[in-house]
Amino acid sequence: MESNQHRSCFQVGGRCKCTGTFVPLNELREKNRLCDAVLRLEDGGVFRVHRVILSMRSEYFRNLFTTTLHTGEETDVLLRGVSSDMMTHILDYIYFREVDIRSGNACQLLETADYLCIPDVTELCFDFLMNTMEADNCISIMQYARFHSFADLEPHARRFVLRHFVEVSQQSKELLELPVEELQAIIGSEDLNVKDEKVVWECILRWINHHLDNRKGHIAGLLKGVRLGLLDEQFFKEQVSKHPYVTENEACRPVISETLTFLEDVKSLTKEDKEFVTPRIARPRIPQDILFAIGGYRDGKPSDVIEAYDVRADSRNKLQF
């Protein structure tokens, strides 16, 4: 059972006091004693509740029960957009301070808690989704959070997709359903965590092959997201530039030509020991982890050199200030 319980006991004056003081109130609710409101749901559910208890936990109910429209001794309300199952979970939290959050109800419970303005449940749902995020569900969580404007959850899910892109690109079925614009945004990100750009190329092929006839025409736009200049030269020339999707699409020619020119320039300029401006197609992405080596000894002499080692790219660079 995946639940978050908030009842606890502590000692006060030698006696045990329990924070779950709402348990007797829930017994009153179950026996329909002192209840002064009825919540009727569209699916037929009926819940008798105490207005003051719901008002303590929810701004939605506080506003609902304090308007001039509901001044009678018993308030009868038709609550739209909430299912009986979700209302049961919400009342469990309000009366017991515990809620059973599972993979199958987390998103619906989050929507309901947000709608009813119960921030504690909203936060618990956020935590649950963040802690259970995996390669096979991170994209759907990211899209869900964006659709519902959950500003804290969406960037967290996006960071997960970028950081675990290798697993996501190879395992996720959700990735295959992404619109081309969203896939372009992901593979074009500076924060994409890939040691080998071959992974990005293979991801593009996997996405295109899922709906070949409808997607083959997107190869040129997607190709721009790959740092082609970082690919092994032989792999680029034999596997990328000669791939049928590429050779059959005239729009691919400029980026292929740019990459071939870059690879030739690297050879000649390296021989001449000349520096050159690295184009975007060969610019390493922002590394996730960097180790710094400061000072020490080189050739038996003290050194003031600072070097940065990019763990992902397995490359070492001397820093200049």
C-alpha atoms as a PDB file:
ATOM      1  CA  MET A   1       0.000   0.000   0.000  1.00  0.00           C
ATOM      2  CA  GLU A   2       1.515   3.279  -1.124  1.00  0.00           C
ATOM      3  CA  SER A   3       0.296   5.823   1.375  1.00  0.00           C
ATOM      4  CA  ASN A   4       1.456   8.859   3.264  1.00  0.00           C
ATOM      5  CA  GLN A   5       0.340   8.842   6.876  1.00  0.00           C
ATOM      6  CA  HIS A   6       0.529  11.905   9.079  1.00  0.00           C
ATOM      7  CA  ARG A   7      -0.717  10.611  12.424  1.00  0.00           C
ATOM      8  CA  SER A   8       1.886  10.377  15.170  1.00  0.00           C
ATOM      9  CA  CYS A   9       2.038  10.170  18.943  1.00  0.00           C
ATOM     10  CA  PHE A  10       4.033  12.229  21.373  1.00  0.00           C
ATOM     11  CA  GLN A  11       4.262  12.525  25.130  1.00  0.00           C
ATOM     12  CA  VAL A  12       2.686  15.444  26.948  1.00  0.00           C
ATOM     13  CA  GLY A  13       2.661  15.382  30.747  1.00  0.00           C
ATOM     14  CA  GLY A  14       3.149  11.626  30.789  1.00  0.00           C
ATOM     15  CA  ARG A  15       0.153  10.970  28.511  1.00  0.00           C
ATOM     16  CA  CYS A  16       0.224  10.022  24.843  1.00  0.00           C
ATOM     17  CA  LYS A  17      -1.400  12.591  22.581  1.00  0.00           C
ATOM     18  CA  CYS A  18      -2.202  11.561  19.005  1.00  0.00           C
ATOM     19  CA  THR A  19      -2.243  14.080  16.167  1.00  0.00           C
ATOM     20  CA  GLY A  20      -4.985  11.998  14.526  1.00  0.00           C
ATOM     21  CA  THR A  21      -7.601  13.852  16.560  1.00  0.00           C
ATOM     22  CA  PHE A  22     -10.007  13.876  13.632  1.00  0.00           C
ATOM     23  CA  VAL A  23     -10.741  10.152  14.036  1.00  0.00           C
ATOM     24  CA  PRO A  24     -13.723  10.753  16.381  1.00  0.00           C
ATOM     25  CA  LEU A  25     -15.008  13.373  13.955  1.00  0.00           C
ATOM     26  CA  ASN A  26     -14.920  10.850  11.140  1.00  0.00           C
ATOM     27  CA  GLU A  27     -16.954   8.479  13.316  1.00  0.00           C
ATOM     28  CA  LEU A  28     -19.524  11.259  13.653  1.00  0.00           C
ATOM     29  CA  ARG A  29     -19.491  11.634   9.862  1.00  0.00           C
ATOM     30  CA  GLU A  30     -19.963   7.914   9.294  1.00  0.00           C
ATOM     31  CA  LYS A  31     -22.884   7.872  11.744  1.00  0.00           C
ATOM     32  CA  ASN A  32     -24.287  11.102  10.253  1.00  0.00           C
ATOM     33  CA  ARG A  33     -24.077  12.984  13.533  1.00  0.00           C
ATOM     34  CA  LEU A  34     -23.647  16.769  13.626  1.00  0.00           C
ATOM     35  CA  CYS A  35     -23.150  16.801   9.832  1.00  0.00           C
ATOM     36  CA  ASP A  36     -24.360  20.105   8.410  1.00  0.00           C
ATOM     37  CA  ALA A  37     -23.645  19.696   4.679  1.00  0.00           C
ATOM     38  CA  VAL A  38     -24.324  17.192   1.940  1.00  0.00           C
ATOM     39  CA  LEU A  39     -22.069  16.844  -1.104  1.00  0.00           C
ATOM     40  CA  ARG A  40     -23.807  15.272  -4.093  1.00  0.00           C
ATOM     41  CA  LEU A  41     -21.622  14.183  -6.994  1.00  0.00           C
ATOM     42  CA  GLU A  42     -22.546  13.766 -10.638  1.00  0.00           C
ATOM     43  CA  ASP A  43     -21.902  10.013 -10.526  1.00  0.00           C
ATOM     44  CA  GLY A  44     -24.493   9.584  -7.761  1.00  0.00           C
ATOM     45  CA  GLY A  45     -22.205   9.700  -4.752  1.00  0.00           C
ATOM     46  CA  VAL A  46     -23.553  11.343  -1.589  1.00  0.00           C
ATOM     47  CA  PHE A  47     -21.305  12.469   1.276  1.00  0.00           C
ATOM     48  CA  ARG A  48     -22.493  14.028   4.543  1.00  0.00           C
ATOM     49  CA  VAL A  49     -19.790  16.236   6.021  1.00  0.00           C
ATOM     50  CA  HIS A  50     -19.040  18.928   8.558  1.00  0.00           C
ATOM     51  CA  ARG A  51     -18.652  22.332   6.952  1.00  0.00           C
ATOM     52  CA  VAL A  52     -16.148  23.649   9.474  1.00  0.00           C
ATOM     53  CA  ILE A  53     -13.853  20.630   9.056  1.00  0.00           C
ATOM     54  CA  LEU A  54     -13.787  20.914   5.263  1.00  0.00           C
ATOM     55  CA  SER A  55     -13.353  24.686   5.497  1.00  0.00           C
ATOM     56  CA  MET A  56     -10.258  24.236   7.678  1.00  0.00           C
ATOM     57  CA  ARG A  57      -8.482  22.211   4.971  1.00  0.00           C
ATOM     58  CA  SER A  58      -9.813  23.706   1.750  1.00  0.00           C
ATOM     59  CA  GLU A  59     -10.127  27.264   0.544  1.00  0.00           C
ATOM     60  CA  TYR A  60     -12.612  25.989  -2.041  1.00  0.00           C
ATOM     61  CA  PHE A  61     -14.998  24.681   0.621  1.00  0.00           C
ATOM     62  CA  ARG A  62     -14.362  27.669   2.862  1.00  0.00           C
ATOM     63  CA  ASN A  63     -15.513  29.996   0.112  1.00  0.00           C
ATOM     64  CA  LEU A  64     -18.380  27.684  -0.802  1.00  0.00           C
ATOM     65  CA  PHE A  65     -19.771  27.410   2.708  1.00  0.00           C
ATOM     66  CA  THR A  66     -19.381  31.050   3.715  1.00  0.00           C
ATOM     67  CA  THR A  67     -21.284  32.656   0.845  1.00  0.00           C
ATOM     68  CA  THR A  68     -24.784  34.008   1.397  1.00  0.00           C
ATOM     69  CA  LEU A  69     -26.120  31.250  -0.834  1.00  0.00           C
ATOM     70  CA  HIS A  70     -25.516  28.642   1.859  1.00  0.00           C
ATOM     71  CA  THR A  71     -26.628  30.080   5.166  1.00  0.00           C
ATOM     72  CA  GLY A  72     -29.174  27.407   6.092  1.00  0.00           C
ATOM     73  CA  GLU A  73     -28.655  24.854   8.838  1.00  0.00           C
ATOM     74  CA  GLU A  74     -27.815  22.175   6.258  1.00  0.00           C
ATOM     75  CA  THR A  75     -26.128  22.898   2.975  1.00  0.00           C
ATOM     76  CA  ASP A  76     -26.921  20.622   0.036  1.00  0.00           C
ATOM     77  CA  VAL A  77     -24.386  21.054  -2.759  1.00  0.00           C
ATOM     78  CA  LEU A  78     -24.023  19.473  -6.201  1.00  0.00           C
ATOM     79  CA  LEU A  79     -20.264  19.201  -6.670  1.00  0.00           C
ATOM     80  CA  ARG A  80     -19.351  18.963 -10.337  1.00  0.00           C
ATOM     81  CA  GLY A  81     -16.161  17.547 -11.827  1.00  0.00           C
ATOM     82  CA  VAL A  82     -15.286  15.268  -8.902  1.00  0.00           C
ATOM     83  CA  SER A  83     -15.789  11.497  -8.793  1.00  0.00           C
ATOM     84  CA  SER A  84     -16.969   9.591  -5.740  1.00  0.00           C
ATOM     85  CA  ASP A  85     -13.683   7.680  -5.613  1.00  0.00           C
ATOM     86  CA  MET A  86     -11.632  10.878  -5.539  1.00  0.00           C
ATOM     87  CA  MET A  87     -13.976  12.461  -2.986  1.00  0.00           C
ATOM     88  CA  THR A  88     -13.424   9.447  -0.725  1.00  0.00           C
ATOM     89  CA  HIS A  89      -9.642   9.963  -0.914  1.00  0.00           C
ATOM     90  CA  ILE A  90     -10.013  13.688  -0.254  1.00  0.00           C
ATOM     91  CA  LEU A  91     -12.208  13.130   2.805  1.00  0.00           C
ATOM     92  CA  ASP A  92      -9.799  10.487   4.070  1.00  0.00           C
ATOM     93  CA  TYR A  93      -7.124  13.148   4.107  1.00  0.00           C
ATOM     94  CA  ILE A  94      -9.332  15.854   5.585  1.00  0.00           C
ATOM     95  CA  TYR A  95     -10.562  13.639   8.417  1.00  0.00           C
ATOM     96  CA  PHE A  96      -7.666  11.204   8.884  1.00  0.00           C
ATOM     97  CA  ARG A  97      -4.710  13.224   7.528  1.00  0.00           C
ATOM     98  CA  GLU A  98      -3.732  10.267   5.359  1.00  0.00           C
ATOM     99  CA  VAL A  99      -4.182   9.524   1.683  1.00  0.00           C
ATOM    100  CA  ASP A 100      -3.578   6.427  -0.423  1.00  0.00           C
ATOM    101  CA  ILE A 101      -1.668   7.559  -3.517  1.00  0.00           C
ATOM    102  CA  ARG A 102      -0.987   4.982  -6.215  1.00  0.00           C
ATOM    103  CA  SER A 103       0.309   5.040  -9.775  1.00  0.00           C
ATOM    104  CA  GLY A 104      -3.227   4.494 -11.002  1.00  0.00           C
ATOM    105  CA  ASN A 105      -4.796   7.437  -9.156  1.00  0.00           C
ATOM    106  CA  ALA A 106      -2.005   9.962  -8.605  1.00  0.00           C
ATOM    107  CA  CYS A 107      -2.817  12.208 -11.581  1.00  0.00           C
ATOM    108  CA  GLN A 108      -6.573  12.231 -11.027  1.00  0.00           C
ATOM    109  CA  LEU A 109      -6.077  12.852  -7.312  1.00  0.00           C
ATOM    110  CA  LEU A 110      -3.696  15.705  -8.104  1.00  0.00           C
ATOM    111  CA  GLU A 111      -6.282  17.331 -10.385  1.00  0.00           C
ATOM    112  CA  THR A 112      -8.997  16.945  -7.762  1.00  0.00           C
ATOM    113  CA  ALA A 113      -6.850  18.317  -4.947  1.00  0.00           C
ATOM    114  CA  ASP A 114      -5.826  21.263  -7.106  1.00  0.00           C
ATOM    115  CA  TYR A 115      -9.455  21.918  -8.072  1.00  0.00           C
ATOM    116  CA  LEU A 116     -10.608  21.781  -4.444  1.00  0.00           C
ATOM    117  CA  CYS A 117      -7.643  23.888  -3.253  1.00  0.00           C
ATOM    118  CA  ILE A 118      -6.106  21.379  -0.870  1.00  0.00           C
ATOM    119  CA  PRO A 119      -2.377  22.174  -1.136  1.00  0.00           C
ATOM    120  CA  ASP A 120      -1.196  19.430   1.229  1.00  0.00           C
ATOM    121  CA  VAL A 121      -2.636  16.698  -1.009  1.00  0.00           C
ATOM    122  CA  THR A 122      -1.358  18.472  -4.100  1.00  0.00           C
ATOM    123  CA  GLU A 123       2.162  18.466  -2.661  1.00  0.00           C
ATOM    124  CA  LEU A 124       1.931  14.789  -1.708  1.00  0.00           C
ATOM    125  CA  CYS A 125       0.865  13.922  -5.256  1.00  0.00           C
ATOM    126  CA  PHE A 126       3.731  15.977  -6.673  1.00  0.00           C
ATOM    127  CA  ASP A 127       6.189  14.124  -4.437  1.00  0.00           C
ATOM    128  CA  PHE A 128       4.744  10.760  -5.399  1.00  0.00           C
ATOM    129  CA  LEU A 129       4.989  11.460  -9.147  1.00  0.00           C
ATOM    130  CA  MET A 130       8.525  12.792  -8.808  1.00  0.00           C
ATOM    131  CA  ASN A 131       9.680   9.810  -6.749  1.00  0.00           C
ATOM    132  CA  THR A 132       8.110   7.219  -9.066  1.00  0.00           C
ATOM    133  CA  MET A 133       9.292   8.806 -12.305  1.00  0.00           C
ATOM    134  CA  GLU A 134      10.941   6.328 -14.673  1.00  0.00           C
ATOM    135  CA  ALA A 135      12.036   6.106 -18.279  1.00  0.00           C
ATOM    136  CA  ASP A 136       8.698   4.652 -19.341  1.00  0.00           C
ATOM    137  CA  ASN A 137       6.451   7.278 -17.701  1.00  0.00           C
ATOM    138  CA  CYS A 138       8.459  10.518 -17.514  1.00  0.00           C
ATOM    139  CA  ILE A 139       7.230  11.856 -20.859  1.00  0.00           C
ATOM    140  CA  SER A 140       3.561  11.359 -20.038  1.00  0.00           C
ATOM    141  CA  ILE A 141       4.100  13.063 -16.666  1.00  0.00           C
ATOM    142  CA  MET A 142       5.851  15.972 -18.401  1.00  0.00           C
ATOM    143  CA  GLN A 143       3.005  16.384 -20.901  1.00  0.00           C
ATOM    144  CA  TYR A 144       0.368  15.985 -18.197  1.00  0.00           C
ATOM    145  CA  ALA A 145       2.013  18.653 -16.023  1.00  0.00           C
ATOM    146  CA  ARG A 146       2.271  21.046 -18.956  1.00  0.00           C
ATOM    147  CA  PHE A 147      -1.363  20.518 -19.981  1.00  0.00           C
ATOM    148  CA  HIS A 148      -2.583  21.227 -16.449  1.00  0.00           C
ATOM    149  CA  SER A 149      -0.079  24.059 -15.853  1.00  0.00           C
ATOM    150  CA  PHE A 150       1.621  22.422 -12.869  1.00  0.00           C
ATOM    151  CA  ALA A 151       4.626  24.726 -12.923  1.00  0.00           C
ATOM    152  CA  ASP A 152       6.702  22.764 -10.382  1.00  0.00           C
ATOM    153  CA  LEU A 153       6.164  19.316 -11.862  1.00  0.00           C
ATOM    154  CA  GLU A 154       6.724  20.010 -15.573  1.00  0.00           C
ATOM    155  CA  PRO A 155      10.356  21.239 -15.358  1.00  0.00           C
ATOM    156  CA  HIS A 156      11.227  18.385 -13.007  1.00  0.00           C
ATOM    157  CA  ALA A 157       9.893  15.835 -15.506  1.00  0.00           C
ATOM    158  CA  ARG A 158      11.668  17.574 -18.383  1.00  0.00           C
ATOM    159  CA  ARG A 159      14.992  17.473 -16.502  1.00  0.00           C
ATOM    160  CA  PHE A 160      14.437  13.760 -15.917  1.00  0.00           C
ATOM    161  CA  VAL A 161      13.864  13.169 -19.644  1.00  0.00           C
ATOM    162  CA  LEU A 162      17.050  15.051 -20.553  1.00  0.00           C
ATOM    163  CA  ARG A 163      19.208  13.478 -17.856  1.00  0.00           C
ATOM    164  CA  HIS A 164      18.039   9.917 -18.568  1.00  0.00           C
ATOM    165  CA  PHE A 165      17.736  10.355 -22.310  1.00  0.00           C
ATOM    166  CA  VAL A 166      19.658   7.202 -23.216  1.00  0.00           C
ATOM    167  CA  GLU A 167      17.188   4.986 -21.338  1.00  0.00           C
ATOM    168  CA  VAL A 168      14.195   7.052 -22.461  1.00  0.00           C
ATOM    169  CA  SER A 169      15.196   7.001 -26.132  1.00  0.00           C
ATOM    170  CA  GLN A 170      15.699   3.239 -26.122  1.00  0.00           C
ATOM    171  CA  GLN A 171      12.876   2.073 -23.845  1.00  0.00           C
ATOM    172  CA  SER A 172      10.047   4.606 -23.794  1.00  0.00           C
ATOM    173  CA  LYS A 173       6.986   3.886 -25.914  1.00  0.00           C
ATOM    174  CA  GLU A 174       5.692   7.348 -24.988  1.00  0.00           C
ATOM    175  CA  LEU A 175       8.593   8.946 -26.853  1.00  0.00           C
ATOM    176  CA  LEU A 176       7.352   7.341 -30.072  1.00  0.00           C
ATOM    177  CA  GLU A 177       4.100   9.309 -29.766  1.00  0.00           C
ATOM    178  CA  LEU A 178       5.714  12.721 -29.291  1.00  0.00           C
ATOM    179  CA  PRO A 179       4.896  15.421 -31.853  1.00  0.00           C
ATOM    180  CA  VAL A 180       7.890  16.358 -33.953  1.00  0.00           C
ATOM    181  CA  GLU A 181       8.188  19.822 -32.348  1.00  0.00           C
ATOM    182  CA  GLU A 182       8.588  18.324 -28.902  1.00  0.00           C
ATOM    183  CA  LEU A 183      11.123  15.750 -30.044  1.00  0.00           C
ATOM    184  CA  GLN A 184      13.103  18.525 -31.731  1.00  0.00           C
ATOM    185  CA  ALA A 185      13.109  20.534 -28.502  1.00  0.00           C
ATOM    186  CA  ILE A 186      14.431  17.561 -26.542  1.00  0.00           C
ATOM    187  CA  ILE A 187      17.221  16.434 -28.871  1.00  0.00           C
ATOM    188  CA  GLY A 188      18.255  20.029 -29.535  1.00  0.00           C
ATOM    189  CA  SER A 189      18.663  20.877 -25.856  1.00  0.00           C
ATOM    190  CA  GLU A 190      22.085  21.884 -24.571  1.00  0.00           C
ATOM    191  CA  ASP A 191      21.308  19.890 -21.422  1.00  0.00           C
ATOM    192  CA  LEU A 192      20.700  16.590 -23.205  1.00  0.00           C
ATOM    193  CA  ASN A 193      22.745  13.970 -21.361  1.00  0.00           C
ATOM    194  CA  VAL A 194      24.364  11.858 -24.064  1.00  0.00           C
ATOM    195  CA  LYS A 195      27.962  10.747 -24.226  1.00  0.00           C
ATOM    196  CA  ASP A 196      27.622   9.584 -27.835  1.00  0.00           C
ATOM    197  CA  GLU A 197      25.526  11.518 -30.379  1.00  0.00           C
ATOM    198  CA  LYS A 198      24.890   8.184 -32.063  1.00  0.00           C
ATOM    199  CA  VAL A 199      22.169   7.718 -29.436  1.00  0.00           C
ATOM    200  CA  VAL A 200      20.373  10.825 -30.722  1.00  0.00           C
ATOM    201  CA  TRP A 201      20.582   9.645 -34.318  1.00  0.00           C
ATOM    202  CA  GLU A 202      19.205   6.217 -33.405  1.00  0.00           C
ATOM    203  CA  CYS A 203      16.403   7.872 -31.442  1.00  0.00           C
ATOM    204  CA  ILE A 204      15.384   9.829 -34.539  1.00  0.00           C
ATOM    205  CA  LEU A 205      15.299   6.647 -36.619  1.00  0.00           C
ATOM    206  CA  ARG A 206      13.233   4.856 -33.973  1.00  0.00           C
ATOM    207  CA  TRP A 207      10.723   7.733 -33.891  1.00  0.00           C
ATOM    208  CA  ILE A 208      10.467   7.959 -37.693  1.00  0.00           C
ATOM    209  CA  ASN A 209      10.117   4.193 -38.181  1.00  0.00           C
ATOM    210  CA  HIS A 210       7.158   4.148 -35.786  1.00  0.00           C
ATOM    211  CA  HIS A 211       5.057   5.960 -38.419  1.00  0.00           C
ATOM    212  CA  LEU A 212       7.341   5.882 -41.431  1.00  0.00           C
ATOM    213  CA  ASP A 213       5.090   7.332 -44.123  1.00  0.00           C
ATOM    214  CA  ASN A 214       3.998  10.302 -42.001  1.00  0.00           C
ATOM    215  CA  ARG A 215       7.354  11.072 -40.428  1.00  0.00           C
ATOM    216  CA  LYS A 216      10.089  10.452 -42.987  1.00  0.00           C
ATOM    217  CA  GLY A 217       9.770  14.017 -44.223  1.00  0.00           C
ATOM    218  CA  HIS A 218      10.831  15.378 -40.810  1.00  0.00           C
ATOM    219  CA  ILE A 219      14.365  13.970 -41.091  1.00  0.00           C
ATOM    220  CA  ALA A 220      15.952  17.279 -42.147  1.00  0.00           C
ATOM    221  CA  GLY A 221      14.593  19.234 -39.180  1.00  0.00           C
ATOM    222  CA  LEU A 222      15.471  16.497 -36.723  1.00  0.00           C
ATOM    223  CA  LEU A 223      18.958  16.071 -38.158  1.00  0.00           C
ATOM    224  CA  LYS A 224      19.750  19.623 -37.058  1.00  0.00           C
ATOM    225  CA  GLY A 225      19.363  18.517 -33.442  1.00  0.00           C
ATOM    226  CA  VAL A 226      22.190  15.994 -33.718  1.00  0.00           C
ATOM    227  CA  ARG A 227      25.737  17.241 -33.057  1.00  0.00           C
ATOM    228  CA  LEU A 228      26.907  15.554 -36.251  1.00  0.00           C
ATOM    229  CA  GLY A 229      30.457  16.860 -35.892  1.00  0.00           C
ATOM    230  CA  LEU A 230      30.857  14.818 -32.711  1.00  0.00           C
ATOM    231  CA  LEU A 231      30.003  11.534 -34.409  1.00  0.00           C
ATOM    232  CA  ASP A 232      32.713   9.109 -35.435  1.00  0.00           C
ATOM    233  CA  GLU A 233      33.724  10.176 -38.936  1.00  0.00           C
ATOM    234  CA  GLN A 234      33.318   6.729 -40.442  1.00  0.00           C
ATOM    235  CA  PHE A 235      29.927   6.266 -38.808  1.00  0.00           C
ATOM    236  CA  PHE A 236      28.762   9.650 -40.099  1.00  0.00           C
ATOM    237  CA  LYS A 237      29.879   9.016 -43.660  1.00  0.00           C
ATOM    238  CA  GLU A 238      28.614   5.429 -43.900  1.00  0.00           C
ATOM    239  CA  GLN A 239      25.549   5.357 -41.625  1.00  0.00           C
ATOM    240  CA  VAL A 240      24.211   8.919 -41.582  1.00  0.00           C
ATOM    241  CA  SER A 241      25.074  10.728 -44.800  1.00  0.00           C
ATOM    242  CA  LYS A 242      24.238   7.649 -46.898  1.00  0.00           C
ATOM    243  CA  HIS A 243      21.049   6.691 -45.079  1.00  0.00           C
ATOM    244  CA  PRO A 244      18.068   6.520 -47.488  1.00  0.00           C
ATOM    245  CA  TYR A 245      16.015   8.972 -45.404  1.00  0.00           C
ATOM    246  CA  VAL A 246      18.837  11.505 -45.777  1.00  0.00           C
ATOM    247  CA  THR A 247      19.789  10.938 -49.418  1.00  0.00           C
ATOM    248  CA  GLU A 248      16.148  11.092 -50.513  1.00  0.00           C
ATOM    249  CA  ASN A 249      15.545  14.453 -48.821  1.00  0.00           C
ATOM    250  CA  GLU A 250      17.060  17.513 -50.507  1.00  0.00           C
ATOM    251  CA  ALA A 251      16.649  19.566 -47.317  1.00  0.00           C
ATOM    252  CA  CYS A 252      19.303  17.417 -45.613  1.00  0.00           C
ATOM    253  CA  ARG A 253      22.067  18.433 -47.982  1.00  0.00           C
ATOM    254  CA  PRO A 254      23.127  21.697 -46.287  1.00  0.00           C
ATOM    255  CA  VAL A 255      23.751  20.128 -42.860  1.00  0.00           C
ATOM    256  CA  ILE A 256      25.482  17.094 -44.400  1.00  0.00           C
ATOM    257  CA  SER A 257      27.706  19.377 -46.465  1.00  0.00           C
ATOM    258  CA  GLU A 258      28.483  21.539 -43.419  1.00  0.00           C
ATOM    259  CA  THR A 259      29.494  18.471 -41.424  1.00  0.00           C
ATOM    260  CA  LEU A 260      31.720  17.079 -44.163  1.00  0.00           C
ATOM    261  CA  THR A 261      33.442  20.455 -44.492  1.00  0.00           C
ATOM    262  CA  PHE A 262      33.962  20.612 -40.729  1.00  0.00           C
ATOM    263  CA  LEU A 263      35.492  17.133 -40.618  1.00  0.00           C
ATOM    264  CA  GLU A 264      37.954  18.074 -43.363  1.00  0.00           C
ATOM    265  CA  ASP A 265      38.807  21.364 -41.647  1.00  0.00           C
ATOM    266  CA  VAL A 266      39.497  19.559 -38.385  1.00  0.00           C
ATOM    267  CA  LYS A 267      42.057  17.344 -40.092  1.00  0.00           C
ATOM    268  CA  SER A 268      43.932  20.184 -41.786  1.00  0.00           C
ATOM    269  CA  LEU A 269      43.808  22.624 -38.880  1.00  0.00           C
ATOM    270  CA  THR A 270      44.864  19.973 -36.400  1.00  0.00           C
ATOM    271  CA  LYS A 271      47.930  19.201 -38.473  1.00  0.00           C
ATOM    272  CA  GLU A 272      48.806  22.896 -38.584  1.00  0.00           C
ATOM    273  CA  ASP A 273      48.051  23.248 -34.849  1.00  0.00           C
ATOM    274  CA  LYS A 274      45.642  26.114 -35.499  1.00  0.00           C
ATOM    275  CA  GLU A 275      42.639  27.122 -33.430  1.00  0.00           C
ATOM    276  CA  PHE A 276      39.194  27.546 -34.980  1.00  0.00           C
ATOM    277  CA  VAL A 277      35.685  28.393 -33.922  1.00  0.00           C
ATOM    278  CA  THR A 278      33.690  25.228 -33.271  1.00  0.00           C
ATOM    279  CA  PRO A 279      30.343  25.258 -35.107  1.00  0.00           C
ATOM    280  CA  ARG A 280      27.175  24.183 -33.346  1.00  0.00           C
ATOM    281  CA  ILE A 281      27.162  20.784 -35.074  1.00  0.00           C
ATOM    282  CA  ALA A 282      30.340  19.916 -33.136  1.00  0.00           C
ATOM    283  CA  ARG A 283      29.796  21.848 -29.910  1.00  0.00           C
ATOM    284  CA  PRO A 284      29.601  19.548 -26.868  1.00  0.00           C
ATOM    285  CA  ARG A 285      26.426  19.779 -24.848  1.00  0.00           C
ATOM    286  CA  ILE A 286      26.507  21.150 -21.331  1.00  0.00           C
ATOM    287  CA  PRO A 287      28.060  18.403 -19.189  1.00  0.00           C
ATOM    288  CA  GLN A 288      26.159  16.984 -16.235  1.00  0.00           C
ATOM    289  CA  ASP A 289      29.289  16.271 -14.167  1.00  0.00           C
ATOM    290  CA  ILE A 290      32.685  17.974 -14.230  1.00  0.00           C
ATOM    291  CA  LEU A 291      35.809  17.147 -12.244  1.00  0.00           C
ATOM    292  CA  PHE A 292      38.367  19.908 -11.699  1.00  0.00           C
ATOM    293  CA  ALA A 293      42.089  19.284 -11.273  1.00  0.00           C
ATOM    294  CA  ILE A 294      43.791  22.319  -9.755  1.00  0.00           C
ATOM    295  CA  GLY A 295      47.544  22.696  -9.434  1.00  0.00           C
ATOM    296  CA  GLY A 296      49.655  19.728  -8.459  1.00  0.00           C
ATOM    297  CA  TYR A 297      52.872  18.695 -10.181  1.00  0.00           C
ATOM    298  CA  ARG A 298      53.686  18.275 -13.849  1.00  0.00           C
ATOM    299  CA  ASP A 299      57.048  16.878 -15.003  1.00  0.00           C
ATOM    300  CA  GLY A 300      58.285  17.077 -11.440  1.00  0.00           C
ATOM    301  CA  LYS A 301      57.522  20.802 -11.116  1.00  0.00           C
ATOM    302  CA  PRO A 302      54.661  22.648  -9.346  1.00  0.00           C
ATOM    303  CA  SER A 303      51.840  23.521 -11.743  1.00  0.00           C
ATOM    304  CA  ASP A 304      49.235  26.287 -11.633  1.00  0.00           C
ATOM    305  CA  VAL A 305      47.164  24.739 -14.433  1.00  0.00           C
ATOM    306  CA  ILE A 306      43.416  24.174 -13.931  1.00  0.00           C
ATOM    307  CA  GLU A 307      41.896  21.356 -15.959  1.00  0.00           C
ATOM    308  CA  ALA A 308      38.262  20.330 -16.306  1.00  0.00           C
ATOM    309  CA  TYR A 309      37.315  16.725 -17.008  1.00  0.00           C
ATOM    310  CA  ASP A 310      33.923  16.147 -18.628  1.00  0.00           C
ATOM    311  CA  VAL A 311      32.792  12.768 -17.295  1.00  0.00           C
ATOM    312  CA  ARG A 312      30.134  12.305 -19.966  1.00  0.00           C
ATOM    313  CA  ALA A 313      32.294  13.166 -22.964  1.00  0.00           C
ATOM    314  CA  ASP A 314      35.422  11.594 -21.431  1.00  0.00           C
ATOM    315  CA  SER A 315      37.448  14.664 -22.388  1.00  0.00           C
ATOM    316  CA  ARG A 316      39.913  16.870 -20.546  1.00  0.00           C
ATOM    317  CA  ASN A 317      40.291  20.612 -21.214  1.00  0.00           C
ATOM    318  CA  LYS A 318      42.688  23.204 -19.881  1.00  0.00           C
ATOM    319  CA  LEU A 319      40.922  26.278 -18.501  1.00  0.00           C
ATOM    320  CA  GLN A 320      42.211  29.732 -19.260  1.00  0.00           C
ATOM    321  CA  PHE A 321      41.371  32.886 -17.273  1.00  0.00           C
END
